[in-house]
């Protein structure tokens, strides 16, 4: 092997080593980002499921509005029925 071929192979080896290390480092940082994202999603889910502040509270509020509207509607129906009878 000539010195030029040896230098070329050494250069390829250095580039391959650098790419391999970059690939490993990127994989580790991606795993870290994925872990952080997963924790954030868990936190958001806990907040959404919280019955006092999350979607549970919104659902309860909407259910209360439905009941109130039904009561008002039935009250109007009774009033109209009484007016028609008079």
PDB file of N, CA and C in Angstrom:
ATOM      1  N   UNK A   1       0.835  -1.172   0.000  1.00  0.00           N
ATOM      2  CA  UNK A   1       0.000   0.000   0.000  1.00  0.00           C
ATOM      3  C   UNK A   1       0.885   1.242   0.000  1.00  0.00           C
ATOM      4  N   UNK A   2       0.462   2.172  -0.784  1.00  0.00           N
ATOM      5  CA  UNK A   2       1.236   3.409  -0.880  1.00  0.00           C
ATOM      6  C   UNK A   2       0.828   4.347   0.258  1.00  0.00           C
ATOM      7  N   UNK A   3       1.683   5.310   0.567  1.00  0.00           N
ATOM      8  CA  UNK A   3       1.346   6.261   1.629  1.00  0.00           C
ATOM      9  C   UNK A   3       0.043   7.021   1.345  1.00  0.00           C
ATOM     10  N   UNK A   4      -0.255   7.279   0.089  1.00  0.00           N
ATOM     11  CA  UNK A   4      -1.504   7.972  -0.259  1.00  0.00           C
ATOM     12  C   UNK A   4      -2.724   7.130   0.081  1.00  0.00           C
ATOM     13  N   UNK A   5      -2.638   5.839  -0.176  1.00  0.00           N
ATOM     14  CA  UNK A   5      -3.759   4.947   0.142  1.00  0.00           C
ATOM     15  C   UNK A   5      -3.950   4.839   1.648  1.00  0.00           C
ATOM     16  N   UNK A   6      -2.831   4.777   2.372  1.00  0.00           N
ATOM     17  CA  UNK A   6      -2.910   4.691   3.837  1.00  0.00           C
ATOM     18  C   UNK A   6      -3.550   5.955   4.402  1.00  0.00           C
ATOM     19  N   UNK A   7      -3.140   7.113   3.895  1.00  0.00           N
ATOM     20  CA  UNK A   7      -3.734   8.378   4.352  1.00  0.00           C
ATOM     21  C   UNK A   7      -5.220   8.453   3.990  1.00  0.00           C
ATOM     22  N   UNK A   8      -5.578   7.956   2.821  1.00  0.00           N
ATOM     23  CA  UNK A   8      -6.983   7.963   2.409  1.00  0.00           C
ATOM     24  C   UNK A   8      -7.810   7.069   3.331  1.00  0.00           C
ATOM     25  N   UNK A   9      -7.296   5.878   3.637  1.00  0.00           N
ATOM     26  CA  UNK A   9      -8.007   4.972   4.545  1.00  0.00           C
ATOM     27  C   UNK A   9      -8.112   5.563   5.947  1.00  0.00           C
ATOM     28  N   UNK A  10      -7.028   6.217   6.397  1.00  0.00           N
ATOM     29  CA  UNK A  10      -7.058   6.860   7.711  1.00  0.00           C
ATOM     30  C   UNK A  10      -8.097   7.976   7.727  1.00  0.00           C
ATOM     31  N   UNK A  11      -8.170   8.737   6.655  1.00  0.00           N
ATOM     32  CA  UNK A  11      -9.174   9.801   6.561  1.00  0.00           C
ATOM     33  C   UNK A  11     -10.585   9.250   6.589  1.00  0.00           C
ATOM     34  N   UNK A  12     -10.808   8.169   5.852  1.00  0.00           N
ATOM     35  CA  UNK A  12     -12.134   7.538   5.846  1.00  0.00           C
ATOM     36  C   UNK A  12     -12.468   7.019   7.237  1.00  0.00           C
ATOM     37  N   UNK A  13     -11.479   6.427   7.916  1.00  0.00           N
ATOM     38  CA  UNK A  13     -11.703   5.902   9.267  1.00  0.00           C
ATOM     39  C   UNK A  13     -12.046   7.031  10.233  1.00  0.00           C
ATOM     40  N   UNK A  14     -11.348   8.148  10.125  1.00  0.00           N
ATOM     41  CA  UNK A  14     -11.620   9.299  11.000  1.00  0.00           C
ATOM     42  C   UNK A  14     -13.027   9.835  10.742  1.00  0.00           C
ATOM     43  N   UNK A  15     -13.394   9.955   9.478  1.00  0.00           N
ATOM     44  CA  UNK A  15     -14.739  10.443   9.142  1.00  0.00           C
ATOM     45  C   UNK A  15     -15.795   9.464   9.649  1.00  0.00           C
ATOM     46  N   UNK A  16     -15.564   8.171   9.462  1.00  0.00           N
ATOM     47  CA  UNK A  16     -16.523   7.166   9.923  1.00  0.00           C
ATOM     48  C   UNK A  16     -16.661   7.208  11.439  1.00  0.00           C
ATOM     49  N   UNK A  17     -15.537   7.355  12.138  1.00  0.00           N
ATOM     50  CA  UNK A  17     -15.569   7.445  13.595  1.00  0.00           C
ATOM     51  C   UNK A  17     -16.350   8.687  14.039  1.00  0.00           C
ATOM     52  N   UNK A  18     -16.095   9.804  13.389  1.00  0.00           N
ATOM     53  CA  UNK A  18     -16.823  11.036  13.718  1.00  0.00           C
ATOM     54  C   UNK A  18     -18.316  10.902  13.467  1.00  0.00           C
ATOM     55  N   UNK A  19     -18.671  10.305  12.337  1.00  0.00           N
ATOM     56  CA  UNK A  19     -20.094  10.109  12.035  1.00  0.00           C
ATOM     57  C   UNK A  19     -20.750   9.165  13.038  1.00  0.00           C
ATOM     58  N   UNK A  20     -20.028   8.114  13.403  1.00  0.00           N
ATOM     59  CA  UNK A  20     -20.559   7.167  14.389  1.00  0.00           C
ATOM     60  C   UNK A  20     -20.789   7.826  15.730  1.00  0.00           C
ATOM     61  N   UNK A  21     -19.846   8.630  16.166  1.00  0.00           N
ATOM     62  CA  UNK A  21     -19.996   9.316  17.452  1.00  0.00           C
ATOM     63  C   UNK A  21     -21.124  10.344  17.390  1.00  0.00           C
ATOM     64  N   UNK A  22     -21.249  11.029  16.272  1.00  0.00           N
ATOM     65  CA  UNK A  22     -22.356  11.977  16.101  1.00  0.00           C
ATOM     66  C   UNK A  22     -23.688  11.250  16.144  1.00  0.00           C
ATOM     67  N   UNK A  23     -23.761  10.096  15.505  1.00  0.00           N
ATOM     68  CA  UNK A  23     -24.986   9.301  15.485  1.00  0.00           C
ATOM     69  C   UNK A  23     -25.371   8.875  16.904  1.00  0.00           C
ATOM     70  N   UNK A  24     -24.367   8.440  17.688  1.00  0.00           N
ATOM     71  CA  UNK A  24     -24.626   8.030  19.072  1.00  0.00           C
ATOM     72  C   UNK A  24     -25.087   9.222  19.898  1.00  0.00           C
ATOM     73  N   UNK A  25     -24.391  10.362  19.756  1.00  0.00           N
ATOM     74  CA  UNK A  25     -24.750  11.552  20.523  1.00  0.00           C
ATOM     75  C   UNK A  25     -26.159  12.022  20.171  1.00  0.00           C
ATOM     76  N   UNK A  26     -26.498  12.039  18.883  1.00  0.00           N
ATOM     77  CA  UNK A  26     -27.833  12.456  18.467  1.00  0.00           C
ATOM     78  C   UNK A  26     -28.898  11.505  18.999  1.00  0.00           C
ATOM     79  N   UNK A  27     -28.585  10.227  19.029  1.00  0.00           N
ATOM     80  CA  UNK A  27     -29.532   9.255  19.570  1.00  0.00           C
ATOM     81  C   UNK A  27     -29.797   9.489  21.040  1.00  0.00           C
ATOM     82  N   UNK A  28     -28.745   9.798  21.784  1.00  0.00           N
ATOM     83  CA  UNK A  28     -28.911  10.070  23.214  1.00  0.00           C
ATOM     84  C   UNK A  28     -29.718  11.341  23.441  1.00  0.00           C
ATOM     85  N   UNK A  29     -29.414  12.384  22.699  1.00  0.00           N
ATOM     86  CA  UNK A  29     -30.155  13.635  22.894  1.00  0.00           C
ATOM     87  C   UNK A  29     -31.604  13.478  22.441  1.00  0.00           C
ATOM     88  N   UNK A  30     -31.849  12.669  21.418  1.00  0.00           N
ATOM     89  CA  UNK A  30     -33.229  12.413  20.982  1.00  0.00           C
ATOM     90  C   UNK A  30     -33.984  11.653  22.069  1.00  0.00           C
ATOM     91  N   UNK A  31     -33.322  10.694  22.703  1.00  0.00           N
ATOM     92  CA  UNK A  31     -33.957   9.942  23.787  1.00  0.00           C
ATOM     93  C   UNK A  31     -34.290  10.875  24.947  1.00  0.00           C
ATOM     94  N   UNK A  32     -33.383  11.820  25.236  1.00  0.00           N
ATOM     95  CA  UNK A  32     -33.641  12.800  26.295  1.00  0.00           C
ATOM     96  C   UNK A  32     -34.850  13.661  25.947  1.00  0.00           C
ATOM     97  N   UNK A  33     -34.895  14.152  24.710  1.00  0.00           N
ATOM     98  CA  UNK A  33     -36.024  14.982  24.276  1.00  0.00           C
ATOM     99  C   UNK A  33     -37.326  14.200  24.348  1.00  0.00           C
ATOM    100  N   UNK A  34     -37.282  12.932  23.938  1.00  0.00           N
ATOM    101  CA  UNK A  34     -38.484  12.102  23.995  1.00  0.00           C
ATOM    102  C   UNK A  34     -38.958  11.931  25.434  1.00  0.00           C
ATOM    103  N   UNK A  35     -38.012  11.734  26.354  1.00  0.00           N
ATOM    104  CA  UNK A  35     -38.365  11.588  27.767  1.00  0.00           C
ATOM    105  C   UNK A  35     -38.992  12.853  28.323  1.00  0.00           C
ATOM    106  N   UNK A  36     -38.417  13.992  27.979  1.00  0.00           N
ATOM    107  CA  UNK A  36     -38.963  15.272  28.440  1.00  0.00           C
ATOM    108  C   UNK A  36     -40.362  15.479  27.874  1.00  0.00           C
ATOM    109  N   UNK A  37     -40.542  15.172  26.595  1.00  0.00           N
ATOM    110  CA  UNK A  37     -41.849  15.334  25.959  1.00  0.00           C
ATOM    111  C   UNK A  37     -42.884  14.418  26.607  1.00  0.00           C
ATOM    112  N   UNK A  38     -42.478  13.201  26.913  1.00  0.00           N
ATOM    113  CA  UNK A  38     -43.390  12.248  27.546  1.00  0.00           C
ATOM    114  C   UNK A  38     -43.828  12.748  28.923  1.00  0.00           C
ATOM    115  N   UNK A  39     -42.891  13.303  29.691  1.00  0.00           N
ATOM    116  CA  UNK A  39     -43.229  13.848  31.008  1.00  0.00           C
ATOM    117  C   UNK A  39     -44.175  15.039  30.880  1.00  0.00           C
ATOM    118  N   UNK A  40     -43.955  15.881  29.889  1.00  0.00           N
ATOM    119  CA  UNK A  40     -44.848  17.027  29.682  1.00  0.00           C
ATOM    120  C   UNK A  40     -46.254  16.559  29.334  1.00  0.00           C
ATOM    121  N   UNK A  41     -46.352  15.543  28.496  1.00  0.00           N
ATOM    122  CA  UNK A  41     -47.664  15.016  28.112  1.00  0.00           C
ATOM    123  C   UNK A  41     -48.369  14.430  29.326  1.00  0.00           C
ATOM    124  N   UNK A  42     -47.623  13.718  30.172  1.00  0.00           N
ATOM    125  CA  UNK A  42     -48.222  13.161  31.391  1.00  0.00           C
ATOM    126  C   UNK A  42     -48.747  14.280  32.278  1.00  0.00           C
ATOM    127  N   UNK A  43     -47.975  15.360  32.398  1.00  0.00           N
ATOM    128  CA  UNK A  43     -48.408  16.497  33.208  1.00  0.00           C
ATOM    129  C   UNK A  43     -49.665  17.143  32.650  1.00  0.00           C
ATOM    130  N   UNK A  44     -49.730  17.277  31.338  1.00  0.00           N
ATOM    131  CA  UNK A  44     -50.916  17.858  30.703  1.00  0.00           C
ATOM    132  C   UNK A  44     -52.117  16.956  30.927  1.00  0.00           C
ATOM    133  N   UNK A  45     -51.934  15.648  30.784  1.00  0.00           N
ATOM    134  CA  UNK A  45     -53.039  14.713  30.999  1.00  0.00           C
ATOM    135  C   UNK A  45     -53.550  14.788  32.429  1.00  0.00           C
ATOM    136  N   UNK A  46     -52.631  14.913  33.401  1.00  0.00           N
ATOM    137  CA  UNK A  46     -53.059  15.029  34.799  1.00  0.00           C
ATOM    138  C   UNK A  46     -53.892  16.292  34.992  1.00  0.00           C
ATOM    139  N   UNK A  47     -53.469  17.387  34.385  1.00  0.00           N
ATOM    140  CA  UNK A  47     -54.217  18.637  34.517  1.00  0.00           C
ATOM    141  C   UNK A  47     -55.583  18.533  33.855  1.00  0.00           C
ATOM    142  N   UNK A  48     -55.648  17.877  32.708  1.00  0.00           N
ATOM    143  CA  UNK A  48     -56.925  17.741  32.013  1.00  0.00           C
ATOM    144  C   UNK A  48     -57.895  16.869  32.788  1.00  0.00           C
ATOM    145  N   UNK A  49     -57.380  15.840  33.443  1.00  0.00           N
ATOM    146  CA  UNK A  49     -58.241  14.912  34.160  1.00  0.00           C
ATOM    147  C   UNK A  49     -58.596  15.400  35.556  1.00  0.00           C
ATOM    148  N   UNK A  50     -57.993  16.478  36.012  1.00  0.00           N
ATOM    149  CA  UNK A  50     -58.262  17.006  37.347  1.00  0.00           C
ATOM    150  C   UNK A  50     -59.714  17.463  37.427  1.00  0.00           C
ATOM    151  N   UNK A  51     -60.505  16.893  38.371  1.00  0.00           N
ATOM    152  CA  UNK A  51     -61.928  17.236  38.434  1.00  0.00           C
ATOM    153  C   UNK A  51     -62.202  18.667  38.884  1.00  0.00           C
ATOM    154  N   UNK A  52     -61.224  19.321  39.477  1.00  0.00           N
ATOM    155  CA  UNK A  52     -61.481  20.682  39.947  1.00  0.00           C
ATOM    156  C   UNK A  52     -61.061  21.745  38.944  1.00  0.00           C
ATOM    157  N   UNK A  53     -60.133  21.428  38.046  1.00  0.00           N
ATOM    158  CA  UNK A  53     -59.677  22.449  37.098  1.00  0.00           C
ATOM    159  C   UNK A  53     -59.636  21.978  35.659  1.00  0.00           C
ATOM    160  N   UNK A  54     -59.672  20.695  35.423  1.00  0.00           N
ATOM    161  CA  UNK A  54     -59.488  20.186  34.070  1.00  0.00           C
ATOM    162  C   UNK A  54     -60.779  19.997  33.316  1.00  0.00           C
ATOM    163  N   UNK A  55     -60.747  19.038  32.395  1.00  0.00           N
ATOM    164  CA  UNK A  55     -61.926  18.750  31.588  1.00  0.00           C
ATOM    165  C   UNK A  55     -63.085  18.268  32.442  1.00  0.00           C
ATOM    166  N   UNK A  56     -62.774  17.629  33.572  1.00  0.00           N
ATOM    167  CA  UNK A  56     -63.832  17.185  34.485  1.00  0.00           C
ATOM    168  C   UNK A  56     -64.646  18.367  34.989  1.00  0.00           C
ATOM    169  N   UNK A  57     -63.964  19.461  35.307  1.00  0.00           N
ATOM    170  CA  UNK A  57     -64.662  20.660  35.780  1.00  0.00           C
ATOM    171  C   UNK A  57     -65.499  21.272  34.661  1.00  0.00           C
ATOM    172  N   UNK A  58     -64.968  21.275  33.451  1.00  0.00           N
ATOM    173  CA  UNK A  58     -65.717  21.816  32.313  1.00  0.00           C
ATOM    174  C   UNK A  58     -66.951  20.968  32.052  1.00  0.00           C
ATOM    175  N   UNK A  59     -66.790  19.641  32.101  1.00  0.00           N
ATOM    176  CA  UNK A  59     -67.918  18.739  31.876  1.00  0.00           C
ATOM    177  C   UNK A  59     -68.988  18.948  32.938  1.00  0.00           C
ATOM    178  N   UNK A  60     -68.572  19.074  34.188  1.00  0.00           N
ATOM    179  CA  UNK A  60     -69.533  19.299  35.265  1.00  0.00           C
ATOM    180  C   UNK A  60     -70.274  20.621  35.056  1.00  0.00           C
ATOM    181  N   UNK A  61     -69.560  21.645  34.643  1.00  0.00           N
ATOM    182  CA  UNK A  61     -70.184  22.940  34.398  1.00  0.00           C
ATOM    183  C   UNK A  61     -71.201  22.855  33.260  1.00  0.00           C
ATOM    184  N   UNK A  62     -70.844  22.158  32.186  1.00  0.00           N
ATOM    185  CA  UNK A  62     -71.764  21.996  31.055  1.00  0.00           C
ATOM    186  C   UNK A  62     -72.986  21.189  31.481  1.00  0.00           C
ATOM    187  N   UNK A  63     -72.772  20.143  32.276  1.00  0.00           N
ATOM    188  CA  UNK A  63     -73.902  19.346  32.766  1.00  0.00           C
ATOM    189  C   UNK A  63     -74.833  20.195  33.627  1.00  0.00           C
ATOM    190  N   UNK A  64     -74.250  21.052  34.458  1.00  0.00           N
ATOM    191  CA  UNK A  64     -75.076  21.942  35.280  1.00  0.00           C
ATOM    192  C   UNK A  64     -75.879  22.902  34.407  1.00  0.00           C
ATOM    193  N   UNK A  65     -75.268  23.394  33.326  1.00  0.00           N
ATOM    194  CA  UNK A  65     -75.988  24.281  32.405  1.00  0.00           C
ATOM    195  C   UNK A  65     -77.133  23.545  31.728  1.00  0.00           C
ATOM    196  N   UNK A  66     -76.900  22.279  31.356  1.00  0.00           N
ATOM    197  CA  UNK A  66     -77.954  21.481  30.723  1.00  0.00           C
ATOM    198  C   UNK A  66     -79.142  21.326  31.661  1.00  0.00           C
ATOM    199  N   UNK A  67     -78.850  21.009  32.914  1.00  0.00           N
ATOM    200  CA  UNK A  67     -79.920  20.837  33.900  1.00  0.00           C
ATOM    201  C   UNK A  67     -80.674  22.147  34.082  1.00  0.00           C
ATOM    202  N   UNK A  68     -79.945  23.243  34.186  1.00  0.00           N
ATOM    203  CA  UNK A  68     -80.584  24.547  34.367  1.00  0.00           C
ATOM    204  C   UNK A  68     -81.476  24.882  33.167  1.00  0.00           C
ATOM    205  N   UNK A  69     -80.971  24.661  31.956  1.00  0.00           N
ATOM    206  CA  UNK A  69     -81.760  24.944  30.754  1.00  0.00           C
ATOM    207  C   UNK A  69     -83.010  24.068  30.706  1.00  0.00           C
ATOM    208  N   UNK A  70     -82.868  22.812  31.098  1.00  0.00           N
ATOM    209  CA  UNK A  70     -84.028  21.916  31.112  1.00  0.00           C
ATOM    210  C   UNK A  70     -85.059  22.395  32.122  1.00  0.00           C
ATOM    211  N   UNK A  71     -84.609  22.851  33.279  1.00  0.00           N
ATOM    212  CA  UNK A  71     -85.537  23.366  34.291  1.00  0.00           C
ATOM    213  C   UNK A  71     -86.255  24.612  33.784  1.00  0.00           C
ATOM    214  N   UNK A  72     -85.512  25.514  33.159  1.00  0.00           N
ATOM    215  CA  UNK A  72     -86.115  26.743  32.634  1.00  0.00           C
ATOM    216  C   UNK A  72     -87.122  26.407  31.544  1.00  0.00           C
ATOM    217  N   UNK A  73     -86.755  25.487  30.652  1.00  0.00           N
ATOM    218  CA  UNK A  73     -87.651  25.099  29.559  1.00  0.00           C
ATOM    219  C   UNK A  73     -88.930  24.485  30.090  1.00  0.00           C
ATOM    220  N   UNK A  74     -88.809  23.576  31.056  1.00  0.00           N
ATOM    221  CA  UNK A  74     -90.020  22.954  31.603  1.00  0.00           C
ATOM    222  C   UNK A  74     -90.853  23.980  32.359  1.00  0.00           C
ATOM    223  N   UNK A  75     -90.205  24.940  32.994  1.00  0.00           N
ATOM    224  CA  UNK A  75     -90.934  26.004  33.687  1.00  0.00           C
ATOM    225  C   UNK A  75     -91.722  26.846  32.681  1.00  0.00           C
ATOM    226  N   UNK A  76     -91.109  27.181  31.539  1.00  0.00           N
ATOM    227  CA  UNK A  76     -91.816  27.933  30.500  1.00  0.00           C
ATOM    228  C   UNK A  76     -92.994  27.136  29.959  1.00  0.00           C
ATOM    229  N   UNK A  77     -92.795  25.834  29.767  1.00  0.00           N
ATOM    230  CA  UNK A  77     -93.878  24.997  29.254  1.00  0.00           C
ATOM    231  C   UNK A  77     -95.057  25.001  30.213  1.00  0.00           C
ATOM    232  N   UNK A  78     -94.774  24.901  31.500  1.00  0.00           N
ATOM    233  CA  UNK A  78     -95.847  24.920  32.501  1.00  0.00           C
ATOM    234  C   UNK A  78     -96.567  26.267  32.491  1.00  0.00           C
ATOM    235  N   UNK A  79     -95.821  27.348  32.389  1.00  0.00           N
ATOM    236  CA  UNK A  79     -96.435  28.676  32.362  1.00  0.00           C
ATOM    237  C   UNK A  79     -97.319  28.831  31.127  1.00  0.00           C
ATOM    238  N   UNK A  80     -96.830  28.393  29.974  1.00  0.00           N
ATOM    239  CA  UNK A  80     -97.626  28.485  28.751  1.00  0.00           C
ATOM    240  C   UNK A  80     -98.878  27.624  28.846  1.00  0.00           C
ATOM    241  N   UNK A  81     -98.723  26.448  29.408  1.00  0.00           N
ATOM    242  CA  UNK A  81     -99.866  25.555  29.561  1.00  0.00           C
ATOM    243  C   UNK A  81    -100.922  26.209  30.457  1.00  0.00           C
ATOM    244  N   UNK A  82    -100.482  26.839  31.545  1.00  0.00           N
ATOM    245  CA  UNK A  82    -101.408  27.520  32.451  1.00  0.00           C
ATOM    246  C   UNK A  82    -102.077  28.705  31.759  1.00  0.00           C
ATOM    247  N   UNK A  83    -101.336  29.428  30.926  1.00  0.00           N
ATOM    248  CA  UNK A  83    -101.924  30.558  30.207  1.00  0.00           C
ATOM    249  C   UNK A  83    -102.950  30.083  29.181  1.00  0.00           C
ATOM    250  N   UNK A  84    -102.670  28.978  28.521  1.00  0.00           N
ATOM    251  CA  UNK A  84    -103.608  28.452  27.531  1.00  0.00           C
ATOM    252  C   UNK A  84    -104.892  27.966  28.185  1.00  0.00           C
ATOM    253  N   UNK A  85    -104.784  27.438  29.399  1.00  0.00           N
ATOM    254  CA  UNK A  85    -105.963  26.934  30.095  1.00  0.00           C
ATOM    255  C   UNK A  85    -106.846  28.069  30.594  1.00  0.00           C
ATOM    256  N   UNK A  86    -106.254  29.213  30.865  1.00  0.00           N
ATOM    257  CA  UNK A  86    -107.042  30.345  31.400  1.00  0.00           C
ATOM    258  C   UNK A  86    -107.881  30.982  30.371  1.00  0.00           C
TER     259      UNK A  86
END
